[in-house]
């Protein structure tokens, strides 16, 4: 009886490990249409039913940053939304957001644009002040989303 229990336990362990490996192997890079993949990182990474969106800034397709901060925030959210849509998801699937600002005094201005991008219940959010971001960016946002079942 003890040997049989060990074989069943071992079989269950092997099944569990195989299932875990299969879930890990389901990583898929997400690149918005019209964009080319970066050799350095994925714009988005789908793992199972969870999408991890890399930090996005408000650089427009022409490579320029909007002059008005609120427009930069909106462009940042639009850039994120392109990745989200490419993954077959929507911003309503967002569960966690990290916002990086080069000037925390711009928090209220950021928030006035940000709150329109997410439906209730709003995702969790962390906002951090940083000294510098890439290029001329004043804001960078990263999002984690989970596909609703």
C-alpha atoms as a PDB file:
ATOM      1  CA  UNK A   1       0.000   0.000   0.000  1.00  0.00           C
ATOM      2  CA  UNK A   2       2.856   2.433   0.856  1.00  0.00           C
ATOM      3  CA  UNK A   3       4.521   1.853  -2.553  1.00  0.00           C
ATOM      4  CA  UNK A   4       1.259   2.513  -4.365  1.00  0.00           C
ATOM      5  CA  UNK A   5       0.719   5.739  -2.416  1.00  0.00           C
ATOM      6  CA  UNK A   6       4.240   6.873  -3.319  1.00  0.00           C
ATOM      7  CA  UNK A   7       3.609   6.162  -7.035  1.00  0.00           C
ATOM      8  CA  UNK A   8       0.325   8.122  -6.937  1.00  0.00           C
ATOM      9  CA  UNK A   9       2.020  11.006  -5.107  1.00  0.00           C
ATOM     10  CA  UNK A  10       4.863  10.992  -7.640  1.00  0.00           C
ATOM     11  CA  UNK A  11       2.394  10.904 -10.549  1.00  0.00           C
ATOM     12  CA  UNK A  12       0.488  13.847  -9.094  1.00  0.00           C
ATOM     13  CA  UNK A  13       3.725  15.773  -8.586  1.00  0.00           C
ATOM     14  CA  UNK A  14       4.808  15.142 -12.194  1.00  0.00           C
ATOM     15  CA  UNK A  15       1.371  16.240 -13.440  1.00  0.00           C
ATOM     16  CA  UNK A  16       1.521  19.408 -11.333  1.00  0.00           C
ATOM     17  CA  UNK A  17       5.016  20.278 -12.558  1.00  0.00           C
ATOM     18  CA  UNK A  18       4.046  19.627 -16.186  1.00  0.00           C
ATOM     19  CA  UNK A  19       0.998  21.874 -15.836  1.00  0.00           C
ATOM     20  CA  UNK A  20       3.148  24.612 -14.326  1.00  0.00           C
ATOM     21  CA  UNK A  21       5.657  24.298 -17.172  1.00  0.00           C
ATOM     22  CA  UNK A  22       2.852  24.492 -19.737  1.00  0.00           C
ATOM     23  CA  UNK A  23       1.542  27.712 -18.182  1.00  0.00           C
ATOM     24  CA  UNK A  24       5.047  29.193 -18.208  1.00  0.00           C
ATOM     25  CA  UNK A  25       5.522  28.213 -21.842  1.00  0.00           C
ATOM     26  CA  UNK A  26       2.425  30.195 -22.833  1.00  0.00           C
ATOM     27  CA  UNK A  27       4.321  33.508 -22.822  1.00  0.00           C
ATOM     28  CA  UNK A  28       3.528  35.472 -25.975  1.00  0.00           C
ATOM     29  CA  UNK A  29       4.984  38.830 -26.990  1.00  0.00           C
ATOM     30  CA  UNK A  30       2.356  41.413 -27.959  1.00  0.00           C
ATOM     31  CA  UNK A  31       3.256  44.088 -30.497  1.00  0.00           C
ATOM     32  CA  UNK A  32       0.668  46.610 -31.725  1.00  0.00           C
ATOM     33  CA  UNK A  33      -0.115  46.569 -35.463  1.00  0.00           C
ATOM     34  CA  UNK A  34       2.176  48.888 -37.403  1.00  0.00           C
ATOM     35  CA  UNK A  35       4.929  48.627 -34.783  1.00  0.00           C
ATOM     36  CA  UNK A  36       8.026  46.541 -34.996  1.00  0.00           C
ATOM     37  CA  UNK A  37       9.184  44.487 -32.027  1.00  0.00           C
ATOM     38  CA  UNK A  38      12.005  45.960 -29.967  1.00  0.00           C
ATOM     39  CA  UNK A  39      15.125  43.818 -29.622  1.00  0.00           C
ATOM     40  CA  UNK A  40      15.329  44.977 -25.983  1.00  0.00           C
ATOM     41  CA  UNK A  41      11.862  44.290 -24.544  1.00  0.00           C
ATOM     42  CA  UNK A  42       8.284  43.317 -25.389  1.00  0.00           C
ATOM     43  CA  UNK A  43       5.652  46.064 -25.554  1.00  0.00           C
ATOM     44  CA  UNK A  44       3.353  43.551 -23.919  1.00  0.00           C
ATOM     45  CA  UNK A  45       3.728  40.017 -22.678  1.00  0.00           C
ATOM     46  CA  UNK A  46       0.727  37.714 -22.405  1.00  0.00           C
ATOM     47  CA  UNK A  47       1.151  34.926 -19.863  1.00  0.00           C
ATOM     48  CA  UNK A  48      -1.969  32.794 -19.641  1.00  0.00           C
ATOM     49  CA  UNK A  49      -4.821  35.257 -19.187  1.00  0.00           C
ATOM     50  CA  UNK A  50      -2.616  38.063 -17.822  1.00  0.00           C
ATOM     51  CA  UNK A  51      -1.106  40.867 -19.928  1.00  0.00           C
ATOM     52  CA  UNK A  52       1.909  42.797 -18.687  1.00  0.00           C
ATOM     53  CA  UNK A  53       2.355  46.087 -20.561  1.00  0.00           C
ATOM     54  CA  UNK A  54       5.826  47.624 -20.498  1.00  0.00           C
ATOM     55  CA  UNK A  55       6.271  51.178 -19.324  1.00  0.00           C
ATOM     56  CA  UNK A  56       4.869  53.464 -22.010  1.00  0.00           C
ATOM     57  CA  UNK A  57       5.552  57.156 -22.483  1.00  0.00           C
ATOM     58  CA  UNK A  58       3.629  59.818 -24.381  1.00  0.00           C
ATOM     59  CA  UNK A  59       5.741  59.874 -27.512  1.00  0.00           C
ATOM     60  CA  UNK A  60       3.445  60.224 -30.515  1.00  0.00           C
ATOM     61  CA  UNK A  61       3.874  58.091 -33.660  1.00  0.00           C
ATOM     62  CA  UNK A  62       5.856  60.970 -35.232  1.00  0.00           C
ATOM     63  CA  UNK A  63       8.412  60.632 -32.398  1.00  0.00           C
ATOM     64  CA  UNK A  64       7.469  63.902 -30.710  1.00  0.00           C
ATOM     65  CA  UNK A  65       6.096  64.543 -27.231  1.00  0.00           C
ATOM     66  CA  UNK A  66       2.982  66.739 -26.910  1.00  0.00           C
ATOM     67  CA  UNK A  67       3.666  70.226 -25.551  1.00  0.00           C
ATOM     68  CA  UNK A  68       0.727  70.137 -23.115  1.00  0.00           C
ATOM     69  CA  UNK A  69       1.148  67.709 -20.196  1.00  0.00           C
ATOM     70  CA  UNK A  70      -2.477  66.482 -20.296  1.00  0.00           C
ATOM     71  CA  UNK A  71      -1.984  65.601 -23.986  1.00  0.00           C
ATOM     72  CA  UNK A  72       1.164  63.667 -23.061  1.00  0.00           C
ATOM     73  CA  UNK A  73      -0.815  61.710 -20.463  1.00  0.00           C
ATOM     74  CA  UNK A  74      -3.513  60.942 -23.039  1.00  0.00           C
ATOM     75  CA  UNK A  75      -0.928  59.865 -25.624  1.00  0.00           C
ATOM     76  CA  UNK A  76       0.661  57.590 -23.020  1.00  0.00           C
ATOM     77  CA  UNK A  77      -2.712  55.970 -22.351  1.00  0.00           C
ATOM     78  CA  UNK A  78      -3.375  55.701 -26.109  1.00  0.00           C
ATOM     79  CA  UNK A  79      -0.011  53.949 -26.573  1.00  0.00           C
ATOM     80  CA  UNK A  80      -0.921  51.502 -23.803  1.00  0.00           C
ATOM     81  CA  UNK A  81      -4.352  50.934 -25.322  1.00  0.00           C
ATOM     82  CA  UNK A  82      -2.760  49.906 -28.635  1.00  0.00           C
ATOM     83  CA  UNK A  83      -0.929  47.076 -26.868  1.00  0.00           C
ATOM     84  CA  UNK A  84      -4.041  46.149 -24.894  1.00  0.00           C
ATOM     85  CA  UNK A  85      -6.188  45.952 -28.050  1.00  0.00           C
ATOM     86  CA  UNK A  86      -3.512  43.929 -29.862  1.00  0.00           C
ATOM     87  CA  UNK A  87      -3.868  41.371 -27.065  1.00  0.00           C
ATOM     88  CA  UNK A  88      -7.655  41.252 -27.547  1.00  0.00           C
ATOM     89  CA  UNK A  89      -8.321  42.998 -24.242  1.00  0.00           C
ATOM     90  CA  UNK A  90      -9.647  46.357 -23.050  1.00  0.00           C
ATOM     91  CA  UNK A  91      -8.650  48.844 -20.383  1.00  0.00           C
ATOM     92  CA  UNK A  92     -11.566  47.462 -18.340  1.00  0.00           C
ATOM     93  CA  UNK A  93      -9.348  44.389 -17.798  1.00  0.00           C
ATOM     94  CA  UNK A  94      -6.690  46.475 -15.969  1.00  0.00           C
ATOM     95  CA  UNK A  95      -5.961  45.335 -12.420  1.00  0.00           C
ATOM     96  CA  UNK A  96      -2.785  47.234 -11.486  1.00  0.00           C
ATOM     97  CA  UNK A  97      -1.165  50.433 -12.750  1.00  0.00           C
ATOM     98  CA  UNK A  98       2.156  52.086 -11.951  1.00  0.00           C
ATOM     99  CA  UNK A  99       2.580  55.754 -12.832  1.00  0.00           C
ATOM    100  CA  UNK A 100       5.962  57.496 -12.843  1.00  0.00           C
ATOM    101  CA  UNK A 101       6.042  61.311 -12.852  1.00  0.00           C
ATOM    102  CA  UNK A 102       9.063  63.587 -13.133  1.00  0.00           C
ATOM    103  CA  UNK A 103       7.164  66.236 -11.165  1.00  0.00           C
ATOM    104  CA  UNK A 104       4.716  65.155  -8.462  1.00  0.00           C
ATOM    105  CA  UNK A 105       3.080  68.593  -8.552  1.00  0.00           C
ATOM    106  CA  UNK A 106       1.521  67.395 -11.847  1.00  0.00           C
ATOM    107  CA  UNK A 107      -0.370  64.601 -10.061  1.00  0.00           C
ATOM    108  CA  UNK A 108      -3.787  66.282 -10.206  1.00  0.00           C
ATOM    109  CA  UNK A 109      -3.330  67.139 -13.893  1.00  0.00           C
ATOM    110  CA  UNK A 110      -2.358  63.522 -14.609  1.00  0.00           C
ATOM    111  CA  UNK A 111      -5.263  62.205 -12.572  1.00  0.00           C
ATOM    112  CA  UNK A 112      -7.830  64.335 -14.438  1.00  0.00           C
ATOM    113  CA  UNK A 113      -6.943  62.474 -17.658  1.00  0.00           C
ATOM    114  CA  UNK A 114      -6.152  59.104 -16.076  1.00  0.00           C
ATOM    115  CA  UNK A 115      -9.539  58.594 -14.371  1.00  0.00           C
ATOM    116  CA  UNK A 116     -11.328  58.739 -17.738  1.00  0.00           C
ATOM    117  CA  UNK A 117      -9.303  55.797 -19.083  1.00  0.00           C
ATOM    118  CA  UNK A 118     -10.416  53.223 -16.513  1.00  0.00           C
ATOM    119  CA  UNK A 119     -13.902  52.033 -15.619  1.00  0.00           C
ATOM    120  CA  UNK A 120     -15.099  51.131 -12.125  1.00  0.00           C
ATOM    121  CA  UNK A 121     -13.859  49.429 -10.165  1.00  0.00           C
ATOM    122  CA  UNK A 122     -10.626  51.286 -10.917  1.00  0.00           C
ATOM    123  CA  UNK A 123      -7.427  49.222 -10.956  1.00  0.00           C
ATOM    124  CA  UNK A 124      -4.980  49.518  -8.086  1.00  0.00           C
ATOM    125  CA  UNK A 125      -2.422  52.245  -8.647  1.00  0.00           C
ATOM    126  CA  UNK A 126       0.980  53.304  -7.425  1.00  0.00           C
ATOM    127  CA  UNK A 127       2.328  56.736  -8.338  1.00  0.00           C
ATOM    128  CA  UNK A 128       6.012  57.465  -7.903  1.00  0.00           C
ATOM    129  CA  UNK A 129       8.062  60.617  -8.448  1.00  0.00           C
ATOM    130  CA  UNK A 130      11.272  60.046 -10.394  1.00  0.00           C
ATOM    131  CA  UNK A 131      14.148  62.308 -11.403  1.00  0.00           C
ATOM    132  CA  UNK A 132      14.211  61.483 -15.124  1.00  0.00           C
ATOM    133  CA  UNK A 133      12.482  59.357 -17.743  1.00  0.00           C
ATOM    134  CA  UNK A 134      13.468  58.455 -21.291  1.00  0.00           C
ATOM    135  CA  UNK A 135      13.738  61.324 -23.765  1.00  0.00           C
ATOM    136  CA  UNK A 136      11.502  64.279 -22.928  1.00  0.00           C
ATOM    137  CA  UNK A 137       8.905  62.159 -21.124  1.00  0.00           C
ATOM    138  CA  UNK A 138       7.291  63.603 -18.026  1.00  0.00           C
ATOM    139  CA  UNK A 139       5.191  60.475 -17.423  1.00  0.00           C
ATOM    140  CA  UNK A 140       5.548  56.717 -17.854  1.00  0.00           C
ATOM    141  CA  UNK A 141       2.831  54.179 -17.128  1.00  0.00           C
ATOM    142  CA  UNK A 142       2.900  50.403 -16.905  1.00  0.00           C
ATOM    143  CA  UNK A 143      -0.235  48.265 -16.612  1.00  0.00           C
ATOM    144  CA  UNK A 144      -1.104  44.692 -15.687  1.00  0.00           C
ATOM    145  CA  UNK A 145      -4.379  43.338 -17.056  1.00  0.00           C
ATOM    146  CA  UNK A 146      -6.259  40.097 -16.543  1.00  0.00           C
ATOM    147  CA  UNK A 147      -8.731  38.859 -19.107  1.00  0.00           C
ATOM    148  CA  UNK A 148     -12.209  38.549 -17.667  1.00  0.00           C
ATOM    149  CA  UNK A 149     -13.676  35.065 -17.873  1.00  0.00           C
END
